[in-house]
C-alpha atoms as a PDB file:
ATOM      1  CA  MET A   1      -4.625 -32.131 -29.814  1.00  0.00           C
ATOM      2  CA  SER A   2      -5.188 -29.189 -28.130  1.00  0.00           C
ATOM      3  CA  ALA A   3      -8.517 -30.050 -26.228  1.00  0.00           C
ATOM      4  CA  ILE A   4      -7.000 -32.863 -23.807  1.00  0.00           C
ATOM      5  CA  GLY A   5      -7.862 -32.212 -20.745  1.00  0.00           C
ATOM      6  CA  ARG A   6     -10.487 -29.604 -21.380  1.00  0.00           C
ATOM      7  CA  PRO A   7     -14.262 -30.693 -21.413  1.00  0.00           C
ATOM      8  CA  PRO A   8     -15.726 -30.934 -24.945  1.00  0.00           C
ATOM      9  CA  GLY A   9     -17.738 -27.706 -26.145  1.00  0.00           C
ATOM     10  CA  ALA A  10     -15.588 -25.279 -23.069  1.00  0.00           C
ATOM     11  CA  LEU A  11     -14.408 -21.539 -24.680  1.00  0.00           C
ATOM     12  CA  THR A  12     -11.237 -20.548 -25.206  1.00  0.00           C
ATOM     13  CA  PHE A  13      -9.809 -17.695 -22.844  1.00  0.00           C
ATOM     14  CA  SER A  14      -7.589 -15.523 -24.397  1.00  0.00           C
ATOM     15  CA  PRO A  15      -6.105 -12.891 -22.001  1.00  0.00           C
ATOM     16  CA  THR A  16      -6.506  -9.371 -22.890  1.00  0.00           C
ATOM     17  CA  PRO A  17      -3.900  -6.754 -21.671  1.00  0.00           C
ATOM     18  CA  PRO A  18      -4.762  -3.849 -19.297  1.00  0.00           C
ATOM     19  CA  GLU A  19      -5.760  -0.635 -20.650  1.00  0.00           C
ATOM     20  CA  ARG A  20      -2.565   1.118 -19.832  1.00  0.00           C
ATOM     21  CA  GLY A  21      -0.165  -1.611 -20.022  1.00  0.00           C
ATOM     22  CA  SER A  22       2.050  -3.419 -16.721  1.00  0.00           C
ATOM     23  CA  PHE A  23       3.996  -1.522 -14.885  1.00  0.00           C
ATOM     24  CA  PRO A  24       6.795  -3.096 -12.431  1.00  0.00           C
ATOM     25  CA  LEU A  25       6.249  -3.944  -9.126  1.00  0.00           C
ATOM     26  CA  ASP A  26       7.937  -2.250  -6.237  1.00  0.00           C
ATOM     27  CA  HIS A  27      10.183  -5.055  -5.524  1.00  0.00           C
ATOM     28  CA  ASP A  28      12.675  -2.849  -3.475  1.00  0.00           C
ATOM     29  CA  GLY A  29       9.902  -0.817  -1.448  1.00  0.00           C
ATOM     30  CA  GLU A  30      10.552   2.756  -2.663  1.00  0.00           C
ATOM     31  CA  CYS A  31       6.716   3.390  -1.954  1.00  0.00           C
ATOM     32  CA  LYS A  32       5.852   1.203  -0.135  1.00  0.00           C
ATOM     33  CA  PRO A  33       5.519   3.474   3.222  1.00  0.00           C
ATOM     34  CA  VAL A  34       3.202   5.807   1.053  1.00  0.00           C
ATOM     35  CA  MET A  35       1.283   2.801   0.110  1.00  0.00           C
ATOM     36  CA  THR A  36       1.075   1.474   3.857  1.00  0.00           C
ATOM     37  CA  GLU A  37      -0.294   4.866   5.148  1.00  0.00           C
ATOM     38  CA  TYR A  38      -3.008   4.692   1.960  1.00  0.00           C
ATOM     39  CA  LEU A  39      -4.255   1.291   3.018  1.00  0.00           C
ATOM     40  CA  ALA A  40      -4.025   2.139   6.421  1.00  0.00           C
ATOM     41  CA  CYS A  41      -6.322   5.381   5.787  1.00  0.00           C
ATOM     42  CA  LEU A  42      -8.460   3.050   4.075  1.00  0.00           C
ATOM     43  CA  LYS A  43      -8.815   0.563   7.286  1.00  0.00           C
ATOM     44  CA  ARG A  44      -9.300   3.731   9.381  1.00  0.00           C
ATOM     45  CA  VAL A  45     -12.539   5.352   7.186  1.00  0.00           C
ATOM     46  CA  ARG A  46     -13.846   1.614   6.491  1.00  0.00           C
ATOM     47  CA  GLY A  47     -13.021   2.227   2.564  1.00  0.00           C
ATOM     48  CA  ASN A  48     -15.553   5.130   2.008  1.00  0.00           C
ATOM     49  CA  ASN A  49     -13.968   7.429  -0.323  1.00  0.00           C
ATOM     50  CA  ASP A  50     -12.488   9.994   2.183  1.00  0.00           C
ATOM     51  CA  PRO A  51     -10.914  12.908   0.631  1.00  0.00           C
ATOM     52  CA  GLU A  52      -7.953  12.537   3.171  1.00  0.00           C
ATOM     53  CA  CYS A  53      -7.514   9.119   1.404  1.00  0.00           C
ATOM     54  CA  ARG A  54      -7.306  10.302  -2.031  1.00  0.00           C
ATOM     55  CA  ILE A  55      -4.395  12.251  -1.045  1.00  0.00           C
ATOM     56  CA  LEU A  56      -2.444   9.698   0.043  1.00  0.00           C
ATOM     57  CA  ALA A  57      -3.214   7.830  -3.461  1.00  0.00           C
ATOM     58  CA  LYS A  58      -2.746  10.815  -5.047  1.00  0.00           C
ATOM     59  CA  ALA A  59       0.900  10.595  -3.501  1.00  0.00           C
ATOM     60  CA  TYR A  60       1.508   6.516  -4.217  1.00  0.00           C
ATOM     61  CA  LEU A  61       0.535   7.191  -7.758  1.00  0.00           C
ATOM     62  CA  LYS A  62       3.228  10.128  -7.522  1.00  0.00           C
ATOM     63  CA  CYS A  63       5.911   7.898  -6.125  1.00  0.00           C
ATOM     64  CA  ARG A  64       4.999   5.247  -8.399  1.00  0.00           C
ATOM     65  CA  MET A  65       5.914   8.114 -11.287  1.00  0.00           C
ATOM     66  CA  ASP A  66       8.685   9.849 -10.012  1.00  0.00           C
ATOM     67  CA  LYS A  67      10.644   6.232  -9.299  1.00  0.00           C
ATOM     68  CA  ASN A  68       9.981   5.560 -12.611  1.00  0.00           C
ATOM     69  CA  LEU A  69       7.057   2.360 -11.358  1.00  0.00           C
ATOM     70  CA  MET A  70       4.519   3.645 -13.570  1.00  0.00           C
ATOM     71  CA  ALA A  71       3.873   5.314 -16.693  1.00  0.00           C
ATOM     72  CA  VAL A  72       3.665   9.329 -15.831  1.00  0.00           C
ATOM     73  CA  ASP A  73       0.483  10.996 -16.569  1.00  0.00           C
ATOM     74  CA  GLU A  74      -1.677  13.377 -15.540  1.00  0.00           C
ATOM     75  CA  PHE A  75      -3.683  13.181 -12.705  1.00  0.00           C
ATOM     76  CA  LYS A  76      -6.788  14.256 -13.972  1.00  0.00           C
ATOM     77  CA  ASN A  77      -6.521  11.107 -16.222  1.00  0.00           C
ATOM     78  CA  LEU A  78      -6.351   9.145 -13.256  1.00  0.00           C
ATOM     79  CA  GLY A  79      -9.400  10.593 -11.705  1.00  0.00           C
ATOM     80  CA  PHE A  80      -7.967  13.149  -9.477  1.00  0.00           C
ATOM     81  CA  THR A  81      -9.287  16.859  -9.241  1.00  0.00           C
ATOM     82  CA  GLU A  82      -7.440  20.156  -9.288  1.00  0.00           C
ATOM     83  CA  ASN A  83      -9.175  21.193  -6.618  1.00  0.00           C
ATOM     84  CA  MET A  84      -9.127  17.569  -4.168  1.00  0.00           C
ATOM     85  CA  GLU A  85      -6.642  19.152  -1.611  1.00  0.00           C
ATOM     86  CA  LYS A  86      -9.143  21.569  -0.819  1.00  0.00           C
ATOM     87  CA  GLU A  87     -12.238  18.927  -0.223  1.00  0.00           C
ATOM     88  CA  VAL A  88      -9.867  18.331   3.050  1.00  0.00           C
ATOM     89  CA  GLY A  89      -9.677  21.278   4.849  1.00  0.00           C
ATOM     90  CA  GLU A  90      -6.294  23.092   6.043  1.00  0.00           C
ATOM     91  CA  SER A  91      -5.994  21.228   8.945  1.00  0.00           C
ATOM     92  CA  GLY A  92      -7.090  18.079   7.539  1.00  0.00           C
ATOM     93  CA  LYS A  93      -4.732  18.618   4.353  1.00  0.00           C
ATOM     94  CA  GLU A  94      -1.458  19.724   6.830  1.00  0.00           C
ATOM     95  CA  LYS A  95      -1.955  16.971   8.810  1.00  0.00           C
ATOM     96  CA  SER A  96      -1.282  14.924   5.660  1.00  0.00           C
ATOM     97  CA  LEU A  97       0.716  16.760   3.781  1.00  0.00           C
ATOM     98  CA  SER A  98       3.603  16.691   7.116  1.00  0.00           C
ATOM     99  CA  ARG A  99       2.719  12.863   7.588  1.00  0.00           C
ATOM    100  CA  LEU A 100       3.861  12.701   3.522  1.00  0.00           C
ATOM    101  CA  ASP A 101       6.938  14.048   4.415  1.00  0.00           C
ATOM    102  CA  GLU A 102       7.366  11.865   7.478  1.00  0.00           C
ATOM    103  CA  LEU A 103       6.554   9.063   5.253  1.00  0.00           C
ATOM    104  CA  ARG A 104       8.963  10.423   2.912  1.00  0.00           C
ATOM    105  CA  ARG A 105      11.690  10.817   5.114  1.00  0.00           C
ATOM    106  CA  GLU A 106      11.475   7.003   6.740  1.00  0.00           C
ATOM    107  CA  ASN A 107      11.370   6.414   2.824  1.00  0.00           C
ATOM    108  CA  GLU A 108      15.257   7.933   2.145  1.00  0.00           C
ATOM    109  CA  GLU A 109      16.658   6.298   5.445  1.00  0.00           C
ATOM    110  CA  LEU A 110      15.629   3.098   4.355  1.00  0.00           C
ATOM    111  CA  LYS A 111      16.775   3.047   0.631  1.00  0.00           C
ATOM    112  CA  ARG A 112      20.316   4.686   2.301  1.00  0.00           C
ATOM    113  CA  LYS A 113      20.055   1.139   5.039  1.00  0.00           C
ATOM    114  CA  HIS A 114      19.340  -1.201   2.144  1.00  0.00           C
ATOM    115  CA  ARG A 115      22.614   0.092  -0.020  1.00  0.00           C
ATOM    116  CA  LYS A 116      24.453  -0.148   2.709  1.00  0.00           C
ATOM    117  CA  ALA A 117      23.845  -3.573   3.185  1.00  0.00           C
END
């Protein structure tokens, strides 16, 4: 009876869980500013693997780990190298990190406003 609605001979699909397990969605938008900046970076470089975007990706994953939205893991296990920031160069790094600090401040302000509401 379990074959009702299924064509004869159709294979049964059994889903497999992701390798690193599931993780909660960011319903409160705690890491949204960093994610938005990362997506804007990807759009700006037309999807190329730009070092500046990799720094933002690392910041986004760090934010998710800090907020318990994903399991804490070493960045080398997530595909990041130790000297990744050096690839960008000093001026690009300073620009990315200052923008990251700005996004963190905006994130804190949004959380404060959300708590008051």
